[in-house]
Amino acid sequence: MTLIKSISGIRGTIGGAVGDNLTPIDAVKFAAAYGTWIKKQRNKDEYRVVVGRDARISGEMIQSLVMNTLVGMGIHVIDLGLSTTPTVEVAVPLEHADGGIILTASHNPKQWNALKLLDAKGEFLNAEEGAKILEYAEADTVQFADVDNLGEISINDAYIDIHIDEVLDLPLVNVEAIKKAKFKVVVDGVNSTGGLAIPLLLERLGVEPVKLFCEPNGHFPHNPEPLKEHLTDLSEAVVKERADFGIVVDPDVDRLAFMDENGEMFGEEYTLVACADYVLSKTPGNTVSNMSSTRALRDVTEKHGGTYEASAVGEVNVVTLMKKNNVVIGGEGNGGIIYPALHYGRDAFVGVALFLSLLAEKELSVSALKATYPQYYMSKKKIALTPELDVDGILKAMEKKYASENITTIDGVKIDFPTNWVHLRKSNTEPIIRIYTEAGSQTEADALADRFIAEISEIAGL
């Protein structure tokens, strides 16, 4: 199967051989490396780490291994139990902890799990910090505590409620208007912790939740990535229940997508667009998303008098540019809302509350709201190359060919044409170039992608 070690953590499939999969030994080794990194940040008498997990079948086993490894290093653990990625991010600074670990493989299928690592601000580690942890894991020089200095585990299962409190206290969340609107919403919690958290949030907002796959047992009823082709049950339930719209989150509740009242996708890319439209209407400012996200965010930002800038792909890169530009809202086109007024992490709780506030104030249906935004369509394709080909050289050749256009090279090659764009990125693990395009129609977006596949094939001599 697979074990992937990267600067953002360790991810793999459960079972199999040590070093080839996410086995108990690999989980302990990586947790110990993280504990070593924590201790090297500051010289203290006591260290504290927050740990939470999504509802994956392997979650309880992996969490026990990780927590007790930290205990063995003399680090105290705050155990949130079943939780969400943004909830752990919120908990770390509230607990004055030195870091946090979320046990989740995000949108990957149930056989996967992962350790996602946070710093003392509750934010993902940067590349340099992640590389240090990989170095410690390979060095195998972990120092464990003696018997009189072991850490302790304390349980705090209140943090989903605390997280909801923090969201409802945000000035832009219009609780009164949402309650007055009396929304009815179908929630697809993909049988993970979103099935606990999102209905609780809705109930606090006076919204009637209709639960679909909200039992947190880790048996995902469909592919857990919140894409249109995986959400036929949600589409049917929204129409059958005559709901105002549908909500779907991924297993760790940092990605968010909506289904309109007709059972049609609002569009994962437009989650951030709508939330930004609402926030910018109240607090004008700048926005950031990654280079593969829709141009509609730029259009909405400029409509409100702000400036938009794109970062390299990856949440850490988005957050870094958000801080540099002092933006009021940002995120990723995969349904990830980052609202700095609460914290610098993708957060479906915040996205739901802002979206409901927008709908309540505009008094529009979800389909009518979508019609008010610039309509763009995306295509995501890839071209496989032979291992001996120079992928960097091919991208350089494409950059040279289109030098007269608006080119960005901070993450592959992005070419902005007047009415559409193409983003070419190489894979870090295999000889593949990923091709993202966006245009005014799906046909045009697909045709643009196919055109660049043909041009790359010609340069590569395929």
Protein backbone atom coordinates (compact mmCIF):
# COMPACT_ATOMS: atom_id res chain seq x y z
CA MET A 1 0.00 0.00 0.00
CA THR A 2 1.31 3.52 0.67
CA LEU A 3 3.17 5.65 3.21
CA ILE A 4 3.79 9.30 2.32
CA LYS A 5 6.17 11.36 4.45
CA SER A 6 6.12 15.07 3.72
CA ILE A 7 6.69 18.44 5.36
CA SER A 8 2.95 18.59 6.15
CA GLY A 9 2.89 15.32 8.11
CA ILE A 10 2.75 11.58 7.56
CA ARG A 11 -0.08 9.90 5.66
CA GLY A 12 -0.64 6.28 4.76
CA THR A 13 -2.82 3.22 4.61
CA ILE A 14 -3.42 1.12 7.71
CA GLY A 15 -1.80 -2.33 7.95
CA GLY A 16 1.09 -3.92 6.10
CA ALA A 17 4.82 -3.55 6.57
CA VAL A 18 6.66 -0.98 8.68
CA GLY A 19 7.95 1.85 6.50
CA ASP A 20 5.61 0.96 3.66
CA ASN A 21 2.31 1.75 5.39
CA LEU A 22 1.01 3.71 8.36
CA THR A 23 1.68 0.99 10.93
CA PRO A 24 1.66 1.47 14.72
CA ILE A 25 5.45 1.67 14.66
CA ASP A 26 5.41 4.43 12.03
CA ALA A 27 2.79 6.36 14.01
CA VAL A 28 4.90 6.15 17.18
CA LYS A 29 8.09 7.10 15.34
CA PHE A 30 6.56 10.19 13.79
CA ALA A 31 4.76 11.25 16.99
CA ALA A 32 8.10 10.99 18.81
CA ALA A 33 9.78 13.15 16.15
CA TYR A 34 7.05 15.77 16.60
CA GLY A 35 7.48 15.61 20.38
CA THR A 36 11.20 16.18 19.90
CA TRP A 37 10.48 19.23 17.74
CA ILE A 38 8.04 20.59 20.35
CA LYS A 39 10.68 20.38 23.06
CA LYS A 40 13.25 22.15 20.91
CA GLN A 41 10.99 25.19 20.41
CA ARG A 42 11.26 26.40 24.01
CA ASN A 43 12.94 25.25 27.20
CA LYS A 44 10.05 24.74 29.65
CA ASP A 45 9.17 22.70 32.71
CA GLU A 46 5.97 21.42 31.08
CA TYR A 47 4.79 20.93 27.48
CA ARG A 48 1.20 20.50 26.30
CA VAL A 49 -0.18 19.18 22.99
CA VAL A 50 -3.82 19.05 21.87
CA VAL A 51 -4.87 15.86 20.04
CA GLY A 52 -8.13 15.18 18.19
CA ARG A 53 -9.32 12.82 15.46
CA ASP A 54 -11.98 12.37 12.83
CA ALA A 55 -14.22 9.28 12.92
CA ARG A 56 -12.05 6.95 10.84
CA ILE A 57 -12.13 3.30 11.89
CA SER A 58 -8.40 3.41 12.68
CA GLY A 59 -8.64 6.72 14.53
CA GLU A 60 -8.94 5.46 18.09
CA MET A 61 -5.97 3.10 17.66
CA ILE A 62 -3.72 5.73 16.08
CA GLN A 63 -4.74 8.38 18.61
CA SER A 64 -3.90 6.10 21.53
CA LEU A 65 -0.47 5.37 20.07
CA VAL A 66 0.26 9.04 19.41
CA MET A 67 -0.92 10.30 22.78
CA ASN A 68 0.94 7.69 24.78
CA THR A 69 4.12 8.31 22.80
CA LEU A 70 3.91 11.97 23.83
CA VAL A 71 3.18 10.93 27.44
CA GLY A 72 6.31 8.77 27.31
CA MET A 73 8.27 11.89 26.35
CA GLY A 74 6.94 13.79 29.35
CA ILE A 75 4.47 15.84 27.33
CA HIS A 76 0.96 16.45 28.68
CA VAL A 77 -1.89 15.75 26.23
CA ILE A 78 -5.32 17.36 25.98
CA ASP A 79 -7.49 14.68 24.38
CA LEU A 80 -10.39 16.14 22.38
CA GLY A 81 -11.53 12.70 21.21
CA LEU A 82 -13.79 12.91 18.15
CA SER A 83 -13.16 16.35 16.75
CA THR A 84 -12.45 18.32 13.57
CA THR A 85 -9.34 19.89 12.08
CA PRO A 86 -10.52 23.49 12.66
CA THR A 87 -11.65 22.61 16.20
CA VAL A 88 -8.17 21.40 17.13
CA GLU A 89 -6.75 24.55 15.52
CA VAL A 90 -9.04 26.69 17.69
CA ALA A 91 -8.24 24.66 20.82
CA VAL A 92 -4.44 24.96 20.68
CA PRO A 93 -4.20 28.70 21.51
CA LEU A 94 -7.18 28.55 23.88
CA GLU A 95 -5.36 25.83 25.84
CA HIS A 96 -2.05 27.75 25.66
CA ALA A 97 -0.63 24.54 24.23
CA ASP A 98 2.71 24.10 22.48
CA GLY A 99 1.14 22.41 19.46
CA GLY A 100 -1.54 20.10 18.18
CA ILE A 101 -2.04 16.92 16.19
CA ILE A 102 -5.09 16.07 14.11
CA LEU A 103 -5.50 12.42 13.16
CA THR A 104 -7.24 12.53 9.81
CA ALA A 105 -6.55 11.70 6.19
CA SER A 106 -8.93 14.45 5.11
CA HIS A 107 -10.84 13.40 1.96
CA ASN A 108 -8.96 10.10 1.47
CA PRO A 109 -10.89 6.79 1.71
CA LYS A 110 -11.36 4.94 4.99
CA GLN A 111 -8.21 2.79 4.75
CA TRP A 112 -6.08 5.95 5.06
CA ASN A 113 -5.10 7.93 8.13
CA ALA A 114 -2.58 10.67 8.85
CA LEU A 115 -0.93 12.87 11.45
CA LYS A 116 -1.39 16.56 10.67
CA LEU A 117 0.83 18.77 12.79
CA LEU A 118 0.22 22.23 14.26
CA ASP A 119 2.41 24.83 15.95
CA ALA A 120 1.63 26.81 19.12
CA LYS A 121 -0.62 29.18 17.15
CA GLY A 122 -2.78 26.27 15.99
CA GLU A 123 -1.47 26.63 12.43
CA PHE A 124 0.12 24.08 10.12
CA LEU A 125 3.89 23.87 10.17
CA ASN A 126 5.85 25.55 7.41
CA ALA A 127 8.25 23.73 5.10
CA GLU A 128 11.32 24.31 7.27
CA GLU A 129 9.58 23.06 10.43
CA GLY A 130 8.16 20.02 8.64
CA ALA A 131 11.59 19.15 7.25
CA LYS A 132 13.03 19.23 10.78
CA ILE A 133 10.48 16.68 11.98
CA LEU A 134 11.32 14.39 9.06
CA GLU A 135 14.99 14.75 10.04
CA TYR A 136 14.26 13.83 13.66
CA ALA A 137 12.21 10.81 12.54
CA GLU A 138 15.09 9.49 10.47
CA ALA A 139 17.75 10.23 13.10
CA ASP A 140 16.06 7.91 15.63
CA THR A 141 17.55 9.77 18.63
CA VAL A 142 14.38 10.44 20.64
CA GLN A 143 14.83 10.93 24.38
CA PHE A 144 11.98 9.58 26.55
CA ALA A 145 11.13 10.68 30.09
CA ASP A 146 11.88 8.68 33.23
CA VAL A 147 9.04 7.22 35.28
CA ASP A 148 8.70 10.24 37.57
CA ASN A 149 8.36 12.67 34.66
CA LEU A 150 5.83 11.06 32.37
CA GLY A 151 3.12 13.25 30.85
CA GLU A 152 -0.56 12.98 31.63
CA ILE A 153 -3.67 12.78 29.45
CA SER A 154 -6.64 15.00 30.27
CA ILE A 155 -9.92 14.68 28.39
CA ASN A 156 -11.86 17.69 27.15
CA ASP A 157 -14.82 16.76 24.96
CA ALA A 158 -16.38 20.25 25.04
CA TYR A 159 -14.39 21.82 22.23
CA ILE A 160 -16.89 21.37 19.41
CA ASP A 161 -19.33 23.38 21.53
CA ILE A 162 -16.61 25.91 22.37
CA HIS A 163 -15.73 26.20 18.68
CA ILE A 164 -19.40 26.87 17.86
CA ASP A 165 -19.49 29.54 20.60
CA GLU A 166 -16.46 31.22 19.04
CA VAL A 167 -18.14 31.24 15.61
CA LEU A 168 -21.45 32.61 16.90
CA ASP A 169 -19.60 35.40 18.72
CA LEU A 170 -18.13 36.71 15.45
CA PRO A 171 -19.62 40.16 14.70
CA LEU A 172 -20.45 39.28 11.08
CA VAL A 173 -22.45 36.15 11.97
CA ASN A 174 -26.02 37.47 11.94
CA VAL A 175 -27.62 35.00 14.33
CA GLU A 176 -30.87 36.96 14.60
CA ALA A 177 -31.42 37.12 10.83
CA ILE A 178 -30.60 33.43 10.41
CA LYS A 179 -33.06 32.41 13.13
CA LYS A 180 -35.75 34.60 11.60
CA ALA A 181 -35.28 32.97 8.15
CA LYS A 182 -36.21 29.50 9.51
CA PHE A 183 -33.99 27.58 7.09
CA LYS A 184 -34.24 23.84 6.56
CA VAL A 185 -30.93 22.25 5.50
CA VAL A 186 -29.85 18.69 4.65
CA VAL A 187 -26.41 17.79 6.07
CA ASP A 188 -24.20 15.06 4.59
CA GLY A 189 -21.67 14.37 7.33
CA VAL A 190 -20.08 11.43 5.45
CA ASN A 191 -20.34 9.42 8.72
CA SER A 192 -17.54 11.41 10.32
CA THR A 193 -17.32 14.23 12.83
CA GLY A 194 -19.08 16.72 10.57
CA GLY A 195 -22.19 14.68 11.30
CA LEU A 196 -21.84 15.74 14.93
CA ALA A 197 -20.61 19.30 14.52
CA ILE A 198 -22.60 20.80 11.64
CA PRO A 199 -26.09 19.82 12.94
CA LEU A 200 -25.13 21.23 16.37
CA LEU A 201 -24.08 24.50 14.75
CA LEU A 202 -27.29 24.67 12.72
CA GLU A 203 -29.48 24.02 15.76
CA ARG A 204 -27.73 26.84 17.64
CA LEU A 205 -28.59 29.09 14.68
CA GLY A 206 -32.25 28.09 14.64
CA VAL A 207 -31.86 26.07 11.44
CA GLU A 208 -33.66 22.74 11.05
CA PRO A 209 -31.04 20.10 10.12
CA VAL A 210 -32.01 17.00 8.18
CA LYS A 211 -29.27 14.46 8.89
CA LEU A 212 -27.84 12.31 6.11
CA PHE A 213 -24.87 10.04 6.91
CA CYS A 214 -24.30 11.77 10.24
CA GLU A 215 -23.37 8.70 12.32
CA PRO A 216 -19.65 9.10 13.19
CA ASN A 217 -18.66 5.47 12.62
CA GLY A 218 -16.00 5.96 9.92
CA HIS A 219 -17.85 3.87 7.34
CA PHE A 220 -17.97 6.45 4.57
CA PRO A 221 -21.12 5.89 2.48
CA HIS A 222 -19.50 7.35 -0.64
CA ASN A 223 -16.15 8.73 -1.73
CA PRO A 224 -15.53 11.32 1.02
CA GLU A 225 -14.25 14.05 -1.29
CA PRO A 226 -17.16 16.53 -1.56
CA LEU A 227 -17.49 16.53 -5.36
CA LYS A 228 -20.67 16.48 -7.45
CA GLU A 229 -20.26 12.89 -8.67
CA HIS A 230 -20.22 11.61 -5.06
CA LEU A 231 -23.32 13.46 -3.85
CA THR A 232 -26.35 11.95 -5.58
CA ASP A 233 -27.91 10.98 -2.23
CA LEU A 234 -27.60 14.56 -0.97
CA SER A 235 -29.09 15.91 -4.19
CA GLU A 236 -32.10 13.61 -3.92
CA ALA A 237 -32.59 14.35 -0.20
CA VAL A 238 -32.59 18.14 -0.71
CA VAL A 239 -35.35 17.87 -3.31
CA LYS A 240 -37.35 15.25 -1.37
CA GLU A 241 -37.19 17.24 1.88
CA ARG A 242 -37.95 20.53 0.09
CA ALA A 243 -34.96 21.93 1.90
CA ASP A 244 -33.52 25.38 1.34
CA PHE A 245 -30.16 23.82 0.45
CA GLY A 246 -27.71 21.05 1.32
CA ILE A 247 -24.37 21.04 3.10
CA VAL A 248 -21.55 18.55 2.67
CA VAL A 249 -18.21 18.49 4.45
CA ASP A 250 -15.20 16.21 4.22
CA PRO A 251 -14.31 13.85 7.12
CA ASP A 252 -12.29 16.43 9.09
CA VAL A 253 -14.66 19.36 8.36
CA ASP A 254 -12.22 21.84 6.82
CA ARG A 255 -13.78 21.66 3.34
CA LEU A 256 -17.33 22.80 2.61
CA ALA A 257 -19.67 22.62 -0.37
CA PHE A 258 -23.32 23.50 -0.90
CA MET A 259 -26.19 22.02 -2.93
CA ASP A 260 -28.92 24.41 -4.06
CA GLU A 261 -32.65 23.91 -3.50
CA ASN A 262 -32.95 22.11 -6.84
CA GLY A 263 -30.34 19.51 -5.94
CA GLU A 264 -27.68 21.17 -8.11
CA MET A 265 -24.16 21.91 -6.88
CA PHE A 266 -23.55 25.50 -5.85
CA GLY A 267 -19.95 24.73 -6.76
CA GLU A 268 -17.07 24.02 -4.38
CA GLU A 269 -15.16 26.95 -5.89
CA TYR A 270 -18.04 29.31 -5.09
CA THR A 271 -18.13 28.51 -1.35
CA LEU A 272 -15.26 30.95 -0.84
CA VAL A 273 -16.65 33.41 -3.40
CA ALA A 274 -20.00 33.73 -1.57
CA CYS A 275 -18.45 33.98 1.90
CA ALA A 276 -15.97 36.58 0.64
CA ASP A 277 -18.78 38.56 -0.98
CA TYR A 278 -20.55 38.75 2.38
CA VAL A 279 -17.44 39.61 4.42
CA LEU A 280 -16.21 42.23 1.94
CA SER A 281 -19.62 43.90 1.92
CA LYS A 282 -19.21 44.50 5.67
CA THR A 283 -15.43 44.87 6.04
CA PRO A 284 -13.81 45.91 2.74
CA GLY A 285 -10.30 44.62 2.21
CA ASN A 286 -8.11 42.23 0.27
CA THR A 287 -8.36 38.50 -0.46
CA VAL A 288 -6.07 35.58 -1.28
CA SER A 289 -6.65 32.12 -2.71
CA ASN A 290 -4.31 29.69 -4.43
CA MET A 291 -3.40 29.78 -8.11
CA SER A 292 -5.75 26.94 -9.04
CA SER A 293 -8.84 28.66 -7.61
CA THR A 294 -11.57 30.45 -9.54
CA ARG A 295 -11.13 33.92 -11.00
CA ALA A 296 -14.56 34.78 -9.57
CA LEU A 297 -12.94 35.61 -6.21
CA ARG A 298 -10.81 38.27 -7.91
CA ASP A 299 -13.91 39.71 -9.60
CA VAL A 300 -15.90 39.87 -6.35
CA THR A 301 -12.94 41.37 -4.46
CA GLU A 302 -12.45 44.11 -7.04
CA LYS A 303 -16.20 44.81 -7.03
CA HIS A 304 -15.85 45.67 -3.35
CA GLY A 305 -12.76 47.82 -3.96
CA GLY A 306 -10.19 45.32 -2.71
CA THR A 307 -7.14 43.65 -4.22
CA TYR A 308 -6.81 39.94 -4.93
CA GLU A 309 -3.56 37.96 -5.07
CA ALA A 310 -2.92 34.25 -5.68
CA SER A 311 -0.49 32.11 -3.70
CA ALA A 312 1.19 28.83 -4.50
CA VAL A 313 -1.04 25.80 -3.93
CA GLY A 314 -1.19 24.60 -0.32
CA GLU A 315 -2.88 25.95 2.81
CA VAL A 316 0.42 27.05 4.40
CA ASN A 317 1.21 29.13 1.30
CA VAL A 318 -2.26 30.70 1.30
CA VAL A 319 -1.96 31.62 4.99
CA THR A 320 1.52 33.10 4.53
CA LEU A 321 0.31 35.42 1.75
CA MET A 322 -2.86 36.28 3.70
CA LYS A 323 -0.75 37.49 6.61
CA LYS A 324 1.58 39.42 4.33
CA ASN A 325 -1.34 41.19 2.61
CA ASN A 326 -3.40 41.59 5.81
CA VAL A 327 -6.46 40.14 4.08
CA VAL A 328 -9.94 39.96 5.60
CA ILE A 329 -10.82 36.55 4.13
CA GLY A 330 -9.12 33.94 1.98
CA GLY A 331 -8.87 30.23 1.37
CA GLU A 332 -8.81 27.61 -1.32
CA GLY A 333 -11.15 26.77 -4.15
CA ASN A 334 -11.71 23.27 -2.74
CA GLY A 335 -14.27 24.72 -0.32
CA GLY A 336 -11.77 25.90 2.28
CA ILE A 337 -12.72 29.13 4.06
CA ILE A 338 -9.98 30.89 6.07
CA TYR A 339 -11.36 33.75 8.17
CA PRO A 340 -8.59 35.41 10.23
CA ALA A 341 -11.08 37.03 12.62
CA LEU A 342 -11.28 33.56 14.20
CA HIS A 343 -8.12 31.71 13.13
CA TYR A 344 -5.81 31.00 10.19
CA GLY A 345 -7.16 27.64 9.11
CA ARG A 346 -9.77 26.25 6.74
CA ASP A 347 -12.99 26.07 8.72
CA ALA A 348 -16.37 24.74 7.55
CA PHE A 349 -18.05 26.00 10.76
CA VAL A 350 -17.19 29.59 9.82
CA GLY A 351 -18.15 28.99 6.19
CA VAL A 352 -21.61 27.71 7.12
CA ALA A 353 -22.29 30.63 9.47
CA LEU A 354 -21.15 33.28 6.97
CA PHE A 355 -23.10 31.67 4.12
CA LEU A 356 -26.29 31.51 6.19
CA SER A 357 -25.82 35.17 7.18
CA LEU A 358 -25.49 36.13 3.51
CA LEU A 359 -28.60 34.16 2.50
CA ALA A 360 -30.65 35.53 5.39
CA GLU A 361 -29.76 39.13 4.64
CA LYS A 362 -30.17 38.91 0.86
CA GLU A 363 -33.38 36.87 1.13
CA LEU A 364 -32.41 34.89 -1.97
CA SER A 365 -32.57 31.20 -2.80
CA VAL A 366 -29.22 29.50 -3.22
CA SER A 367 -29.70 29.15 -6.98
CA ALA A 368 -30.60 32.84 -7.28
CA LEU A 369 -27.52 33.77 -5.24
CA LYS A 370 -25.28 31.73 -7.54
CA ALA A 371 -26.69 33.58 -10.55
CA THR A 372 -25.44 36.89 -9.13
CA TYR A 373 -21.78 35.80 -9.43
CA PRO A 374 -19.51 35.68 -12.50
CA GLN A 375 -19.97 32.25 -14.07
CA TYR A 376 -16.76 30.31 -14.64
CA TYR A 377 -16.16 26.62 -15.31
CA MET A 378 -13.07 24.57 -14.51
CA SER A 379 -11.36 21.59 -16.05
CA LYS A 380 -8.80 19.47 -14.20
CA LYS A 381 -6.73 17.05 -16.25
CA LYS A 382 -3.24 15.56 -16.27
CA ILE A 383 -0.70 14.23 -18.72
CA ALA A 384 1.60 11.34 -17.79
CA LEU A 385 5.17 11.56 -19.07
CA THR A 386 7.93 8.97 -19.25
CA PRO A 387 10.30 9.08 -16.21
CA GLU A 388 13.32 10.12 -18.27
CA LEU A 389 11.68 13.32 -19.52
CA ASP A 390 12.69 16.64 -17.96
CA VAL A 391 9.37 17.91 -16.54
CA ASP A 392 10.93 21.20 -15.37
CA GLY A 393 12.35 21.71 -18.84
CA ILE A 394 8.94 21.18 -20.42
CA LEU A 395 7.37 23.76 -18.11
CA LYS A 396 10.20 26.19 -18.93
CA ALA A 397 9.48 25.68 -22.62
CA MET A 398 5.78 26.49 -22.04
CA GLU A 399 6.75 29.59 -20.08
CA LYS A 400 8.97 30.76 -22.96
CA LYS A 401 6.30 30.03 -25.56
CA TYR A 402 3.76 32.23 -23.75
CA ALA A 403 6.19 34.89 -22.51
CA SER A 404 4.04 37.66 -24.01
CA GLU A 405 1.08 36.67 -21.80
CA ASN A 406 0.53 37.32 -18.08
CA ILE A 407 2.73 34.58 -16.56
CA THR A 408 3.13 33.51 -12.91
CA THR A 409 5.82 30.96 -11.98
CA ILE A 410 5.70 30.70 -8.18
CA ASP A 411 4.09 27.26 -8.49
CA GLY A 412 4.55 25.69 -11.90
CA VAL A 413 3.40 27.94 -14.75
CA LYS A 414 0.11 29.85 -14.74
CA ILE A 415 -0.90 31.71 -17.89
CA ASP A 416 -3.65 34.31 -17.49
CA PHE A 417 -5.39 35.07 -20.76
CA PRO A 418 -8.01 37.86 -20.95
CA THR A 419 -11.03 35.54 -20.61
CA ASN A 420 -9.54 32.29 -19.29
CA TRP A 421 -6.44 30.78 -17.69
CA VAL A 422 -4.36 27.61 -17.52
CA HIS A 423 -2.20 26.41 -14.63
CA LEU A 424 0.45 23.74 -15.22
CA ARG A 425 1.95 22.01 -12.16
CA LYS A 426 4.25 19.04 -11.90
CA SER A 427 3.63 16.24 -9.45
CA ASN A 428 6.23 15.85 -6.69
CA THR A 429 5.94 12.06 -6.70
CA GLU A 430 5.52 10.97 -10.33
CA PRO A 431 6.25 12.21 -13.90
CA ILE A 432 2.90 13.95 -14.33
CA ILE A 433 1.92 17.48 -15.26
CA ARG A 434 -1.43 18.55 -13.83
CA ILE A 435 -3.43 20.90 -16.02
CA TYR A 436 -6.06 23.20 -14.51
CA THR A 437 -8.08 25.53 -16.71
CA GLU A 438 -10.96 27.94 -16.22
CA ALA A 439 -13.18 29.62 -18.80
CA GLY A 440 -16.67 30.99 -19.41
CA SER A 441 -18.09 27.57 -20.34
CA GLN A 442 -17.28 23.94 -19.57
CA THR A 443 -16.71 23.25 -23.26
CA GLU A 444 -14.17 26.07 -23.49
CA ALA A 445 -12.39 24.98 -20.29
CA ASP A 446 -12.11 21.38 -21.51
CA ALA A 447 -10.93 22.50 -24.96
CA LEU A 448 -8.26 24.74 -23.40
CA ALA A 449 -6.98 21.82 -21.30
CA ASP A 450 -6.91 19.52 -24.32
CA ARG A 451 -5.01 22.18 -26.31
CA PHE A 452 -2.29 22.36 -23.67
CA ILE A 453 -2.08 18.58 -23.39
CA ALA A 454 -1.41 18.52 -27.15
CA GLU A 455 1.21 21.29 -26.89
CA ILE A 456 3.01 19.58 -24.01
CA SER A 457 2.94 16.27 -25.90
CA GLU A 458 4.53 17.97 -28.90
CA ILE A 459 7.30 19.55 -26.82
CA ALA A 460 7.92 16.22 -25.06
CA GLY A 461 7.95 14.32 -28.34
CA LEU A 462 5.13 12.02 -27.30
